[in-house]
C-alpha cells in the first residue's frame, strides 16, 4: 500500500523559491518594463488627444491588476511553506511524546 503522506522538505523549499523568484525577478519587473514602454509609446509615438490618455490610464489599471495577481503566486509559496512547517512541528511533537513516554 502506498504512503498517504510524503514530503520532501528540500523540494518544497526549492519550488517555493522558484515561485517567489518568478514574481520578484521575472514577472513584476517585466510587467513594469512593459508599462513603461506602453506609456512611452502613448506619450511619443501614438499620440491622440483623447484616446492616448484613456489608453494610458486603462493600461495602468491593467498592469496594476496583473502585478496584484502575482501576490497569489507568492501566496502559494507561503502556503506550501506553512504546510511543511506544520508537518515538521507535528513530527517533532510526536517524537517528543514517544521519547517522553518510554
N, C-alpha and C. Protein backbone atom coordinates (compact mmCIF):
# COMPACT_ATOMS: atom_id res chain seq x y z
N UNK A 1 0.84 -1.18 0.00
CA UNK A 1 0.00 0.00 0.00
C UNK A 1 0.89 1.24 0.00
N UNK A 2 0.57 2.17 -0.84
CA UNK A 2 1.36 3.41 -0.96
C UNK A 2 1.16 4.29 0.26
N UNK A 3 2.17 5.08 0.55
CA UNK A 3 2.10 6.00 1.69
C UNK A 3 1.05 7.07 1.42
N UNK A 4 0.36 7.48 2.49
CA UNK A 4 -0.63 8.54 2.38
C UNK A 4 0.01 9.92 2.44
N UNK A 5 1.16 10.00 3.07
CA UNK A 5 1.85 11.28 3.20
C UNK A 5 3.30 11.10 2.79
N UNK A 6 3.77 12.03 1.99
CA UNK A 6 5.16 12.03 1.60
C UNK A 6 5.57 13.48 1.36
N UNK A 7 6.63 13.90 2.01
CA UNK A 7 7.11 15.26 1.84
C UNK A 7 8.61 15.26 1.62
N UNK A 8 9.05 16.12 0.75
CA UNK A 8 10.47 16.39 0.61
C UNK A 8 10.65 17.87 0.96
N UNK A 9 11.17 18.12 2.15
CA UNK A 9 11.32 19.50 2.61
C UNK A 9 12.18 20.31 1.64
N UNK A 10 13.23 19.72 1.14
CA UNK A 10 14.11 20.42 0.21
C UNK A 10 13.38 20.76 -1.09
N UNK A 11 12.58 19.84 -1.58
CA UNK A 11 11.84 20.09 -2.83
C UNK A 11 10.77 21.15 -2.62
N UNK A 12 10.11 21.10 -1.48
CA UNK A 12 9.10 22.13 -1.18
C UNK A 12 9.77 23.50 -1.18
N UNK A 13 10.90 23.61 -0.51
CA UNK A 13 11.59 24.90 -0.44
C UNK A 13 12.11 25.33 -1.82
N UNK A 14 12.58 24.37 -2.61
CA UNK A 14 13.07 24.69 -3.96
C UNK A 14 11.95 25.29 -4.81
N UNK A 15 10.79 24.65 -4.80
CA UNK A 15 9.67 25.13 -5.60
C UNK A 15 9.17 26.47 -5.08
N UNK A 16 9.13 26.63 -3.78
CA UNK A 16 8.70 27.91 -3.20
C UNK A 16 9.64 29.03 -3.63
N UNK A 17 10.93 28.75 -3.65
CA UNK A 17 11.89 29.75 -4.11
C UNK A 17 11.69 30.10 -5.58
N UNK A 18 11.36 29.10 -6.38
CA UNK A 18 11.07 29.36 -7.80
C UNK A 18 9.86 30.26 -7.93
N UNK A 19 8.82 29.97 -7.17
CA UNK A 19 7.61 30.80 -7.22
C UNK A 19 7.93 32.24 -6.81
N UNK A 20 8.62 32.41 -5.69
CA UNK A 20 8.96 33.75 -5.22
C UNK A 20 9.82 34.49 -6.25
N UNK A 21 10.83 33.80 -6.76
CA UNK A 21 11.74 34.44 -7.72
C UNK A 21 11.05 34.76 -9.04
N UNK A 22 10.11 33.92 -9.44
CA UNK A 22 9.40 34.19 -10.70
C UNK A 22 8.64 35.51 -10.59
N UNK A 23 8.13 35.80 -9.40
CA UNK A 23 7.43 37.07 -9.20
C UNK A 23 8.43 38.22 -9.08
N UNK A 24 9.38 38.09 -8.18
CA UNK A 24 10.28 39.20 -7.84
C UNK A 24 11.31 39.51 -8.93
N UNK A 25 11.78 38.47 -9.61
CA UNK A 25 12.89 38.66 -10.55
C UNK A 25 12.41 38.74 -12.00
N UNK A 26 11.31 38.05 -12.30
CA UNK A 26 10.89 37.98 -13.70
C UNK A 26 9.58 38.73 -13.97
N UNK A 27 8.50 38.28 -13.36
CA UNK A 27 7.17 38.78 -13.75
C UNK A 27 6.98 40.27 -13.47
N UNK A 28 7.16 40.68 -12.23
CA UNK A 28 6.90 42.08 -11.88
C UNK A 28 7.83 43.03 -12.62
N UNK A 29 9.14 42.76 -12.65
CA UNK A 29 9.99 43.67 -13.42
C UNK A 29 9.62 43.76 -14.90
N UNK A 30 9.25 42.64 -15.51
CA UNK A 30 8.87 42.67 -16.93
C UNK A 30 7.56 43.41 -17.14
N UNK A 31 6.60 43.26 -16.20
CA UNK A 31 5.34 43.98 -16.33
C UNK A 31 5.56 45.48 -16.17
N UNK A 32 6.45 45.87 -15.26
CA UNK A 32 6.77 47.30 -15.10
C UNK A 32 7.47 47.83 -16.34
N UNK A 33 8.35 47.03 -16.91
CA UNK A 33 9.03 47.41 -18.14
C UNK A 33 8.03 47.60 -19.28
N UNK A 34 7.09 46.68 -19.38
CA UNK A 34 6.06 46.79 -20.43
C UNK A 34 5.21 48.03 -20.23
N UNK A 35 4.86 48.33 -18.99
CA UNK A 35 4.06 49.53 -18.70
C UNK A 35 4.83 50.78 -19.11
N UNK A 36 6.11 50.84 -18.80
CA UNK A 36 6.93 51.98 -19.19
C UNK A 36 6.97 52.14 -20.71
N UNK A 37 7.08 51.02 -21.41
CA UNK A 37 7.12 51.05 -22.88
C UNK A 37 5.79 51.55 -23.46
N UNK A 38 4.69 51.06 -22.89
CA UNK A 38 3.37 51.50 -23.37
C UNK A 38 3.19 53.00 -23.12
N UNK A 39 3.59 53.46 -21.93
CA UNK A 39 3.47 54.89 -21.63
C UNK A 39 4.31 55.73 -22.59
N UNK A 40 5.52 55.26 -22.86
CA UNK A 40 6.39 55.98 -23.79
C UNK A 40 5.77 56.02 -25.19
N UNK A 41 5.22 54.90 -25.62
CA UNK A 41 4.55 54.84 -26.92
C UNK A 41 3.42 55.85 -26.99
N UNK A 42 2.59 55.86 -25.94
CA UNK A 42 1.42 56.74 -25.95
C UNK A 42 1.79 58.20 -25.75
N UNK A 43 2.93 58.45 -25.16
CA UNK A 43 3.38 59.83 -24.98
C UNK A 43 4.09 60.38 -26.21
N UNK A 44 4.72 59.49 -27.00
CA UNK A 44 5.60 59.96 -28.06
C UNK A 44 5.27 59.49 -29.47
N UNK A 45 4.71 58.31 -29.63
CA UNK A 45 4.58 57.75 -30.97
C UNK A 45 3.18 57.30 -31.35
N UNK A 46 2.28 57.34 -30.43
CA UNK A 46 0.88 57.04 -30.70
C UNK A 46 0.06 58.05 -29.92
N UNK A 47 0.19 59.29 -30.35
CA UNK A 47 -0.39 60.41 -29.61
C UNK A 47 -1.71 60.82 -30.24
N UNK A 48 -2.77 60.57 -29.51
CA UNK A 48 -4.10 61.01 -29.90
C UNK A 48 -4.65 61.82 -28.72
N UNK A 49 -5.28 62.92 -29.01
CA UNK A 49 -5.68 63.86 -27.97
C UNK A 49 -6.50 63.19 -26.87
N UNK A 50 -7.48 62.42 -27.22
CA UNK A 50 -8.37 61.83 -26.22
C UNK A 50 -8.06 60.36 -25.94
N UNK A 51 -7.73 59.63 -27.00
CA UNK A 51 -7.55 58.19 -26.85
C UNK A 51 -6.27 57.83 -26.10
N UNK A 52 -5.19 58.55 -26.35
CA UNK A 52 -3.91 58.19 -25.71
C UNK A 52 -3.99 58.26 -24.18
N UNK A 53 -4.52 59.35 -23.62
CA UNK A 53 -4.64 59.37 -22.15
C UNK A 53 -5.56 58.27 -21.62
N UNK A 54 -6.63 57.97 -22.33
CA UNK A 54 -7.54 56.91 -21.90
C UNK A 54 -6.84 55.54 -21.97
N UNK A 55 -6.12 55.31 -23.05
CA UNK A 55 -5.38 54.05 -23.19
C UNK A 55 -4.31 53.93 -22.10
N UNK A 56 -3.61 55.01 -21.83
CA UNK A 56 -2.57 55.01 -20.80
C UNK A 56 -3.17 54.69 -19.44
N UNK A 57 -4.29 55.31 -19.13
CA UNK A 57 -4.97 55.06 -17.85
C UNK A 57 -5.43 53.61 -17.74
N UNK A 58 -6.04 53.09 -18.80
CA UNK A 58 -6.55 51.72 -18.76
C UNK A 58 -5.41 50.71 -18.69
N UNK A 59 -4.32 50.97 -19.41
CA UNK A 59 -3.18 50.06 -19.34
C UNK A 59 -2.56 50.09 -17.95
N UNK A 60 -2.52 51.27 -17.35
CA UNK A 60 -2.00 51.39 -15.99
C UNK A 60 -2.82 50.55 -15.01
N UNK A 61 -4.14 50.61 -15.14
CA UNK A 61 -5.01 49.79 -14.28
C UNK A 61 -4.81 48.30 -14.54
N UNK A 62 -4.70 47.94 -15.81
CA UNK A 62 -4.48 46.55 -16.19
C UNK A 62 -3.16 46.05 -15.62
N UNK A 63 -2.11 46.84 -15.77
CA UNK A 63 -0.80 46.47 -15.26
C UNK A 63 -0.83 46.30 -13.74
N UNK A 64 -1.48 47.21 -13.06
CA UNK A 64 -1.59 47.12 -11.60
C UNK A 64 -2.33 45.86 -11.18
N UNK A 65 -3.37 45.49 -11.93
CA UNK A 65 -4.11 44.27 -11.58
C UNK A 65 -3.26 43.02 -11.81
N UNK A 66 -2.45 43.04 -12.85
CA UNK A 66 -1.55 41.90 -13.09
C UNK A 66 -0.52 41.77 -11.97
N UNK A 67 0.05 42.90 -11.57
CA UNK A 67 1.04 42.88 -10.50
C UNK A 67 0.39 42.41 -9.21
N UNK A 68 -0.82 42.86 -8.93
CA UNK A 68 -1.53 42.40 -7.73
C UNK A 68 -1.81 40.90 -7.80
N UNK A 69 -2.08 40.39 -8.99
CA UNK A 69 -2.35 38.97 -9.15
C UNK A 69 -1.12 38.12 -8.84
N UNK A 70 0.06 38.68 -9.01
CA UNK A 70 1.27 37.91 -8.71
C UNK A 70 1.38 37.61 -7.22
N UNK A 71 0.65 38.38 -6.40
CA UNK A 71 0.63 38.07 -4.96
C UNK A 71 0.09 36.66 -4.71
N UNK A 72 -0.81 36.21 -5.58
CA UNK A 72 -1.36 34.86 -5.43
C UNK A 72 -0.28 33.81 -5.63
N UNK A 73 0.65 34.06 -6.53
CA UNK A 73 1.76 33.13 -6.76
C UNK A 73 2.59 33.01 -5.49
N UNK A 74 2.92 34.16 -4.91
CA UNK A 74 3.69 34.15 -3.67
C UNK A 74 2.87 33.55 -2.53
N UNK A 75 1.55 33.71 -2.61
CA UNK A 75 0.67 33.11 -1.61
C UNK A 75 0.76 31.59 -1.61
N UNK A 76 0.88 31.00 -2.79
CA UNK A 76 1.06 29.55 -2.85
C UNK A 76 2.36 29.14 -2.19
N UNK A 77 3.42 29.88 -2.45
CA UNK A 77 4.71 29.57 -1.81
C UNK A 77 4.58 29.63 -0.29
N UNK A 78 3.91 30.65 0.19
CA UNK A 78 3.70 30.79 1.64
C UNK A 78 2.89 29.62 2.18
N UNK A 79 1.85 29.25 1.47
CA UNK A 79 1.00 28.13 1.90
C UNK A 79 1.80 26.83 1.94
N UNK A 80 2.60 26.58 0.91
CA UNK A 80 3.40 25.36 0.89
C UNK A 80 4.40 25.33 2.04
N UNK A 81 5.01 26.47 2.32
CA UNK A 81 5.96 26.55 3.44
C UNK A 81 5.26 26.29 4.77
N UNK A 82 4.06 26.83 4.93
CA UNK A 82 3.32 26.62 6.18
C UNK A 82 2.94 25.15 6.36
N UNK A 83 2.57 24.49 5.28
CA UNK A 83 2.27 23.06 5.35
C UNK A 83 3.52 22.30 5.79
N UNK A 84 4.65 22.61 5.18
CA UNK A 84 5.92 21.96 5.53
C UNK A 84 6.24 22.20 7.00
N UNK A 85 6.12 23.43 7.45
CA UNK A 85 6.42 23.76 8.85
C UNK A 85 5.47 23.05 9.81
N UNK A 86 4.21 22.96 9.45
CA UNK A 86 3.24 22.26 10.30
C UNK A 86 3.58 20.79 10.44
N UNK A 87 3.97 20.18 9.32
CA UNK A 87 4.33 18.76 9.36
C UNK A 87 5.61 18.57 10.16
N UNK A 88 6.58 19.45 9.98
CA UNK A 88 7.81 19.37 10.77
C UNK A 88 7.50 19.46 12.27
N UNK A 89 6.64 20.41 12.63
CA UNK A 89 6.26 20.58 14.04
C UNK A 89 5.53 19.35 14.57
N UNK A 90 4.61 18.82 13.76
CA UNK A 90 3.86 17.64 14.17
C UNK A 90 4.80 16.45 14.37
N UNK A 91 5.72 16.27 13.46
CA UNK A 91 6.69 15.18 13.55
C UNK A 91 7.52 15.30 14.83
N UNK A 92 7.98 16.50 15.13
CA UNK A 92 8.75 16.73 16.34
C UNK A 92 7.91 16.47 17.59
N UNK A 93 6.66 16.93 17.58
CA UNK A 93 5.78 16.71 18.74
C UNK A 93 5.55 15.21 18.97
N UNK A 94 5.32 14.48 17.90
CA UNK A 94 5.13 13.02 18.05
C UNK A 94 6.39 12.38 18.63
N UNK A 95 7.53 12.77 18.08
CA UNK A 95 8.79 12.19 18.59
C UNK A 95 9.00 12.54 20.05
N UNK A 96 8.73 13.78 20.42
CA UNK A 96 8.88 14.20 21.82
C UNK A 96 7.97 13.39 22.75
N UNK A 97 6.73 13.16 22.34
CA UNK A 97 5.78 12.39 23.14
C UNK A 97 6.22 10.94 23.26
N UNK A 98 6.67 10.37 22.16
CA UNK A 98 7.15 8.98 22.19
C UNK A 98 8.37 8.86 23.10
N UNK A 99 9.29 9.78 22.99
CA UNK A 99 10.50 9.73 23.80
C UNK A 99 10.23 10.00 25.28
N UNK A 100 9.22 10.79 25.58
CA UNK A 100 8.94 11.09 26.99
C UNK A 100 8.14 9.97 27.66
N UNK A 101 7.54 9.09 26.87
CA UNK A 101 6.73 8.01 27.47
C UNK A 101 7.53 6.75 27.71
N UNK A 102 8.73 6.72 27.27
CA UNK A 102 9.45 5.46 27.37
C UNK A 102 10.61 5.54 28.25
